[in-house]
Amino acid sequence: MSTPGTPTFDQLRIFLAVVDNGSFAGAGRQLNRAVSVISYGIANLEAQLGVLLFDREGTKKPRLTTAGEAVLAEARTVAQGIDGLRAKVKGLLDGLEAEVHLAVDVMLPTRRLGEVLRAFRAEFPTVTLRLHVEALGAIASLVLEGKAVLGISGPLAAGMNGIEYKAAGSVQMVPVAAPDHPLGRMNPIPPGAGRDHVQLVLSDRSPLTAGRDFAVMSPRTWRLADLGAKHALLREGIGWGNMPLPLIEPDLVAGTLVRLAMPESPGGMYRFSAIWRRDAPPGPAASWLRARFVDAGRNDMDLEGLVEV
């Protein structure tokens, strides 16, 4: 059994040029080479692989053989890989990061996150993104520990030692419960009623805010580290709690959750900041991300009468 040789990238490039241009002459024009050089390169590639790639008999236009069609897909994969490698190295030479670690607050609207990251992928196709989604102080912890170069944090990071920040918008938090929950059936809700029922509270996985409570009203709490789990338990009627409005708007429309008009806990504005370590400023790609998140938050509207949460 014969073993094929190893073709050079230049041979594969000549092969792809012939396929894309439909002729040896067209490939020569694209690569700025004589037709004889193109023909010689294809002959060498066929000799290396031990198969005929083009059927040249009875036509002026070279046609791929069955073996040629099989080789074509692999040749394109190799060429794309080389192009990607060259683009990544060029970015490194120009100072562009190879990888960006981004930490975002779980309260950040997913639509905004998706829009920014879709634009990031188009702008920096060679930069790998590592996304961390956390709550409360965990975003600042990741940034301070150097595990994320950029964070989109809630209000807890503002004023922390070693951290620089820029305002990046806000989201409205509202108290909700299932329609069959006792609070969901009250109209109106008397002052203090929330204290008589289990409040579902998002907990912090970081040590920065260990032992601290945020927007907790009831002495009876269930603490969860995952916003999706909190959302599911609210819909099951297990308790009540504050949620970002964009996340639960479909539930309010469908009637799977109801907004609670609680006199002492009407909700509030949860503010975001883009944060980074003062001694480790973001590179070009991370700086672009920071600017996009800041710009995206400029249109967030503060609602009159709502406190900070």
Protein backbone atom coordinates (compact mmCIF):
# COMPACT_ATOMS: atom_id res chain seq x y z
CA MET A 1 0.00 0.00 0.00
CA SER A 2 1.47 3.35 -1.08
CA THR A 3 1.71 6.26 1.35
CA PRO A 4 0.99 9.76 0.00
CA GLY A 5 3.62 12.42 0.50
CA THR A 6 3.14 15.75 2.25
CA PRO A 7 2.14 18.58 -0.09
CA THR A 8 3.33 22.09 0.49
CA PHE A 9 0.95 24.94 1.22
CA ASP A 10 2.03 26.58 -2.04
CA GLN A 11 0.95 23.49 -3.97
CA LEU A 12 -2.43 23.54 -2.26
CA ARG A 13 -2.78 27.25 -3.01
CA ILE A 14 -2.12 26.60 -6.72
CA PHE A 15 -4.67 23.77 -6.67
CA LEU A 16 -7.35 26.00 -5.13
CA ALA A 17 -6.59 28.81 -7.58
CA VAL A 18 -7.12 26.46 -10.54
CA VAL A 19 -10.44 25.27 -9.08
CA ASP A 20 -11.66 28.79 -8.27
CA ASN A 21 -10.65 30.26 -11.65
CA GLY A 22 -11.63 27.27 -13.78
CA SER A 23 -8.35 27.17 -15.67
CA PHE A 24 -4.58 27.05 -15.33
CA ALA A 25 -4.34 30.42 -17.10
CA GLY A 26 -6.80 32.01 -14.65
CA ALA A 27 -4.83 30.61 -11.72
CA GLY A 28 -1.66 32.06 -13.22
CA ARG A 29 -3.24 35.50 -13.46
CA GLN A 30 -4.50 35.34 -9.87
CA LEU A 31 -1.12 34.26 -8.49
CA ASN A 32 0.92 36.31 -10.96
CA ARG A 33 2.73 33.23 -12.28
CA ALA A 34 3.31 31.68 -15.67
CA VAL A 35 0.94 28.93 -16.81
CA SER A 36 3.91 26.54 -16.98
CA VAL A 37 4.59 27.17 -13.27
CA ILE A 38 0.94 26.45 -12.43
CA SER A 39 1.00 23.24 -14.48
CA TYR A 40 4.27 22.18 -12.85
CA GLY A 41 2.85 22.83 -9.36
CA ILE A 42 -0.25 20.72 -10.04
CA ALA A 43 1.88 17.90 -11.48
CA ASN A 44 4.06 17.94 -8.35
CA LEU A 45 0.99 17.91 -6.09
CA GLU A 46 -0.47 14.93 -7.97
CA ALA A 47 2.89 13.15 -7.68
CA GLN A 48 3.04 13.87 -3.95
CA LEU A 49 -0.48 12.57 -3.33
CA GLY A 50 -0.32 9.73 -5.85
CA VAL A 51 -3.66 10.60 -7.49
CA LEU A 52 -4.88 12.58 -10.48
CA LEU A 53 -6.70 15.72 -9.41
CA PHE A 54 -7.85 16.99 -12.80
CA ASP A 55 -9.16 15.27 -15.94
CA ARG A 56 -7.46 17.19 -18.73
CA GLU A 57 -8.50 15.05 -21.70
CA GLY A 58 -11.12 16.20 -24.23
CA THR A 59 -11.59 19.67 -22.74
CA LYS A 60 -9.70 22.90 -22.36
CA LYS A 61 -11.20 23.41 -18.93
CA PRO A 62 -9.69 21.13 -16.27
CA ARG A 63 -12.34 19.07 -14.46
CA LEU A 64 -11.92 17.67 -10.99
CA THR A 65 -11.66 13.91 -10.77
CA THR A 66 -13.39 12.03 -7.97
CA ALA A 67 -10.12 12.09 -6.05
CA GLY A 68 -9.77 15.81 -6.78
CA GLU A 69 -13.20 16.54 -5.32
CA ALA A 70 -12.26 14.63 -2.16
CA VAL A 71 -8.98 16.53 -1.85
CA LEU A 72 -10.67 19.88 -2.46
CA ALA A 73 -12.56 19.96 0.83
CA GLU A 74 -9.43 19.15 2.82
CA ALA A 75 -7.36 21.67 0.90
CA ARG A 76 -9.86 24.42 1.70
CA THR A 77 -9.79 23.49 5.38
CA VAL A 78 -5.99 23.68 5.43
CA ALA A 79 -6.02 27.02 3.60
CA GLN A 80 -8.59 28.49 5.97
CA GLY A 81 -6.54 27.29 8.93
CA ILE A 82 -3.40 28.93 7.57
CA ASP A 83 -5.28 32.15 6.87
CA GLY A 84 -6.63 32.13 10.42
CA LEU A 85 -3.16 31.49 11.82
CA ARG A 86 -1.67 34.37 9.86
CA ALA A 87 -4.49 36.71 10.92
CA LYS A 88 -4.04 35.79 14.59
CA VAL A 89 -0.27 36.29 14.45
CA LYS A 90 -0.72 39.64 12.69
CA GLY A 91 -3.09 40.68 15.47
CA LEU A 92 -0.49 39.67 18.08
CA LEU A 93 2.19 41.66 16.28
CA ASP A 94 -0.17 44.65 16.22
CA GLY A 95 -0.79 44.35 19.97
CA LEU A 96 -4.22 42.65 19.73
CA GLU A 97 -5.09 40.15 22.46
CA ALA A 98 -5.25 36.47 21.55
CA GLU A 99 -7.95 35.95 24.18
CA VAL A 100 -10.28 38.13 26.26
CA HIS A 101 -11.86 36.99 29.53
CA LEU A 102 -15.10 38.86 30.19
CA ALA A 103 -17.19 38.61 33.37
CA VAL A 104 -20.77 39.89 33.30
CA ASP A 105 -23.44 40.30 35.94
CA VAL A 106 -26.27 37.81 35.61
CA MET A 107 -28.72 40.73 35.73
CA LEU A 108 -27.42 42.14 32.44
CA PRO A 109 -30.16 41.73 29.81
CA THR A 110 -29.28 38.78 27.59
CA ARG A 111 -30.35 40.63 24.46
CA ARG A 112 -27.80 43.37 25.13
CA LEU A 113 -25.09 40.82 25.84
CA GLY A 114 -25.87 38.96 22.64
CA GLU A 115 -25.86 42.11 20.50
CA VAL A 116 -22.50 43.29 21.84
CA LEU A 117 -20.83 39.90 21.53
CA ARG A 118 -22.17 39.37 18.00
CA ALA A 119 -20.59 42.68 16.99
CA PHE A 120 -17.38 41.71 18.82
CA ARG A 121 -17.12 38.47 16.85
CA ALA A 122 -17.46 40.38 13.59
CA GLU A 123 -14.93 43.04 14.63
CA PHE A 124 -12.31 40.67 16.12
CA PRO A 125 -12.68 37.26 14.42
CA THR A 126 -9.24 36.07 15.62
CA VAL A 127 -9.79 36.89 19.31
CA THR A 128 -11.09 34.08 21.52
CA LEU A 129 -13.65 35.13 24.13
CA ARG A 130 -14.06 33.48 27.54
CA LEU A 131 -17.35 34.52 29.14
CA HIS A 132 -18.06 34.25 32.87
CA VAL A 133 -21.60 34.97 34.12
CA GLU A 134 -21.76 35.63 37.86
CA ALA A 135 -23.72 37.57 40.48
CA LEU A 136 -23.05 40.43 42.88
CA GLY A 137 -19.42 40.59 44.06
CA ALA A 138 -18.21 37.64 42.02
CA ILE A 139 -17.63 39.85 38.96
CA ALA A 140 -15.32 42.17 40.88
CA SER A 141 -13.55 39.14 42.38
CA LEU A 142 -12.77 37.74 38.95
CA VAL A 143 -11.38 41.10 37.83
CA LEU A 144 -9.31 41.65 40.98
CA GLU A 145 -7.90 38.11 40.77
CA GLY A 146 -6.89 38.65 37.15
CA LYS A 147 -9.22 35.94 35.89
CA ALA A 148 -11.15 38.50 33.82
CA VAL A 149 -9.66 41.58 32.20
CA LEU A 150 -13.06 43.28 31.98
CA GLY A 151 -16.23 43.02 34.02
CA ILE A 152 -19.76 44.32 33.61
CA SER A 153 -20.71 44.51 37.25
CA GLY A 154 -23.63 45.60 39.35
CA PRO A 155 -23.29 48.54 41.77
CA LEU A 156 -21.12 46.69 44.29
CA ALA A 157 -17.87 47.24 42.38
CA ALA A 158 -18.10 51.05 42.37
CA GLY A 159 -15.50 52.48 44.73
CA MET A 160 -13.58 49.24 45.33
CA ASN A 161 -9.84 49.65 45.83
CA GLY A 162 -7.80 48.88 42.73
CA ILE A 163 -10.76 49.03 40.34
CA GLU A 164 -11.56 51.63 37.71
CA TYR A 165 -15.09 51.83 36.35
CA LYS A 166 -17.42 53.53 33.88
CA ALA A 167 -21.21 53.65 34.08
CA ALA A 168 -22.77 51.11 31.70
CA GLY A 169 -26.52 51.52 32.07
CA SER A 170 -29.08 49.95 34.36
CA VAL A 171 -31.99 47.53 34.50
CA GLN A 172 -35.26 47.82 36.41
CA MET A 173 -35.80 45.24 39.15
CA VAL A 174 -39.40 44.37 40.11
CA PRO A 175 -40.92 42.11 42.80
CA VAL A 176 -42.90 39.20 41.34
CA ALA A 177 -44.63 35.99 42.37
CA ALA A 178 -46.73 33.29 40.79
CA PRO A 179 -50.43 34.19 40.37
CA ASP A 180 -51.44 31.47 42.87
CA HIS A 181 -48.93 32.64 45.49
CA PRO A 182 -50.63 34.33 48.49
CA LEU A 183 -49.00 37.66 47.62
CA GLY A 184 -50.04 37.26 44.00
CA ARG A 185 -53.68 37.00 45.08
CA MET A 186 -53.59 40.07 47.36
CA ASN A 187 -54.96 43.34 46.03
CA PRO A 188 -53.88 45.58 47.56
CA ILE A 189 -50.88 44.14 49.39
CA PRO A 190 -50.77 45.50 52.95
CA PRO A 191 -47.49 46.91 54.31
CA GLY A 192 -45.21 44.23 55.74
CA ALA A 193 -46.97 41.30 54.03
CA GLY A 194 -43.79 40.26 52.25
CA ARG A 195 -42.17 39.43 55.58
CA ASP A 196 -44.65 36.62 56.13
CA HIS A 197 -43.57 34.68 53.04
CA VAL A 198 -40.39 33.06 51.72
CA GLN A 199 -38.28 35.48 49.69
CA LEU A 200 -36.06 33.96 47.02
CA VAL A 201 -32.69 35.71 47.14
CA LEU A 202 -29.76 35.52 44.75
CA SER A 203 -26.62 34.68 46.71
CA ASP A 204 -23.00 35.58 46.03
CA ARG A 205 -20.35 32.96 45.28
CA SER A 206 -17.53 35.37 46.09
CA PRO A 207 -16.07 36.29 49.50
CA LEU A 208 -16.32 40.04 48.78
CA THR A 209 -19.88 40.29 50.03
CA ALA A 210 -20.09 37.25 52.29
CA GLY A 211 -22.72 37.70 54.97
CA ARG A 212 -24.27 40.79 53.35
CA ASP A 213 -27.86 40.98 52.17
CA PHE A 214 -29.17 43.09 49.29
CA ALA A 215 -32.85 44.03 48.89
CA VAL A 216 -33.83 41.35 51.42
CA MET A 217 -37.05 42.15 53.25
CA SER A 218 -38.28 38.84 54.65
CA PRO A 219 -36.63 36.95 57.52
CA ARG A 220 -37.61 33.76 55.68
CA THR A 221 -35.30 33.33 52.70
CA TRP A 222 -34.21 30.70 50.23
CA ARG A 223 -30.80 31.55 48.76
CA LEU A 224 -29.85 30.53 45.27
CA ALA A 225 -26.65 31.04 43.30
CA ASP A 226 -28.37 30.80 39.90
CA LEU A 227 -30.82 33.33 38.46
CA GLY A 228 -32.40 30.71 36.20
CA ALA A 229 -33.20 28.54 39.23
CA LYS A 230 -34.70 31.54 41.02
CA HIS A 231 -36.86 32.26 37.98
CA ALA A 232 -38.10 28.66 37.88
CA LEU A 233 -38.94 28.57 41.60
CA LEU A 234 -40.82 31.86 41.36
CA ARG A 235 -42.98 30.40 38.60
CA GLU A 236 -43.64 27.36 40.80
CA GLY A 237 -45.06 29.63 43.51
CA ILE A 238 -42.41 28.69 46.07
CA GLY A 239 -41.70 32.27 47.06
CA TRP A 240 -41.51 35.86 45.89
CA GLY A 241 -38.51 37.90 44.82
CA ASN A 242 -37.05 40.71 42.75
CA MET A 243 -36.18 40.01 39.11
CA PRO A 244 -34.86 42.06 36.18
CA LEU A 245 -37.86 43.28 34.23
CA PRO A 246 -36.62 42.30 30.72
CA LEU A 247 -36.21 38.70 31.86
CA ILE A 248 -39.72 38.24 33.25
CA GLU A 249 -41.71 40.45 30.85
CA PRO A 250 -42.84 37.37 28.84
CA ASP A 251 -44.10 35.84 32.12
CA LEU A 252 -46.07 38.98 32.95
CA VAL A 253 -47.70 38.88 29.52
CA ALA A 254 -48.43 35.14 29.75
CA GLY A 255 -49.66 35.38 33.34
CA THR A 256 -47.13 32.86 34.72
CA LEU A 257 -45.86 35.63 37.04
CA VAL A 258 -47.53 38.75 38.41
CA ARG A 259 -45.92 41.99 39.46
CA LEU A 260 -46.34 42.74 43.16
CA ALA A 261 -47.34 46.27 44.19
CA MET A 262 -45.55 46.08 47.54
CA PRO A 263 -45.70 49.43 49.38
CA GLU A 264 -42.25 49.17 50.97
CA SER A 265 -40.52 47.20 48.20
CA PRO A 266 -41.61 48.47 44.76
CA GLY A 267 -38.32 47.46 43.11
CA GLY A 268 -35.58 49.76 41.91
CA MET A 269 -32.79 50.44 39.43
CA TYR A 270 -29.85 48.04 39.31
CA ARG A 271 -26.89 49.93 37.85
CA PHE A 272 -24.09 48.41 35.80
CA SER A 273 -20.48 49.49 35.52
CA ALA A 274 -17.71 48.39 33.19
CA ILE A 275 -14.82 47.57 35.55
CA TRP A 276 -11.14 46.73 35.15
CA ARG A 277 -8.05 46.62 37.32
CA ARG A 278 -6.24 49.92 37.60
CA ASP A 279 -2.86 48.20 37.13
CA ALA A 280 -4.02 46.01 34.21
CA PRO A 281 -5.88 48.18 31.68
CA PRO A 282 -7.74 46.37 28.87
CA GLY A 283 -6.07 45.83 25.50
CA PRO A 284 -7.56 46.90 22.15
CA ALA A 285 -10.26 44.19 21.91
CA ALA A 286 -11.31 44.44 25.56
CA SER A 287 -11.35 48.24 25.32
CA TRP A 288 -13.65 47.96 22.32
CA LEU A 289 -15.95 45.72 24.36
CA ARG A 290 -15.94 48.19 27.23
CA ALA A 291 -16.89 51.06 24.93
CA ARG A 292 -19.74 49.05 23.37
CA PHE A 293 -21.25 48.15 26.73
CA VAL A 294 -20.96 51.76 27.93
CA ASP A 295 -22.58 53.05 24.73
CA ALA A 296 -25.34 50.43 24.93
CA GLY A 297 -26.23 51.62 28.44
CA ARG A 298 -26.52 55.31 27.58
CA ASN A 299 -30.16 54.98 26.53
CA ASP A 300 -31.29 53.23 29.72
CA MET A 301 -33.91 55.42 31.37
CA ASP A 302 -34.11 56.10 35.09
CA LEU A 303 -37.66 55.76 36.30
CA GLU A 304 -38.86 58.43 38.73
CA GLY A 305 -39.45 57.28 42.27
CA LEU A 306 -37.35 54.10 42.07
CA VAL A 307 -34.51 53.67 44.51
CA GLU A 308 -31.09 52.10 43.86
CA VAL A 309 -30.85 48.36 44.49
